[in-house]
Amino acid sequence: MNNVNKEQQGQGTRTPNDNTQTDWNRVRGKIKQRWAKLSDDDIDYFNGKLDAIAGKLQEKYGYSRDEAEQELASFKKTLH
């Protein structure tokens, strides 16, 4: 089977969605390490929207809004 046939069957190539999913899985793992009180359901609910996590951090950790936003900003810096 040549490469063209593999690509047509969805094998051997990586789509942008594959990269996005891989990136989210990496970030998801880091979120779980940093904020263990967040459940898998909590993290899945965000579906890649990091800014939405601040509210959940307030709820689970008792952070003020400013503290939650600072935590999130600090976390985002570790992703680059």
Foldseek 3Di string as FASTA:
>chain_A
DDPVVCVVVVHDDDDVVNVVVVLLVVLLVVCCVVPVQQDPVNSVVCVPVLVVCLVVCCVRVVDDSVVSVVVSVVSVVVSD
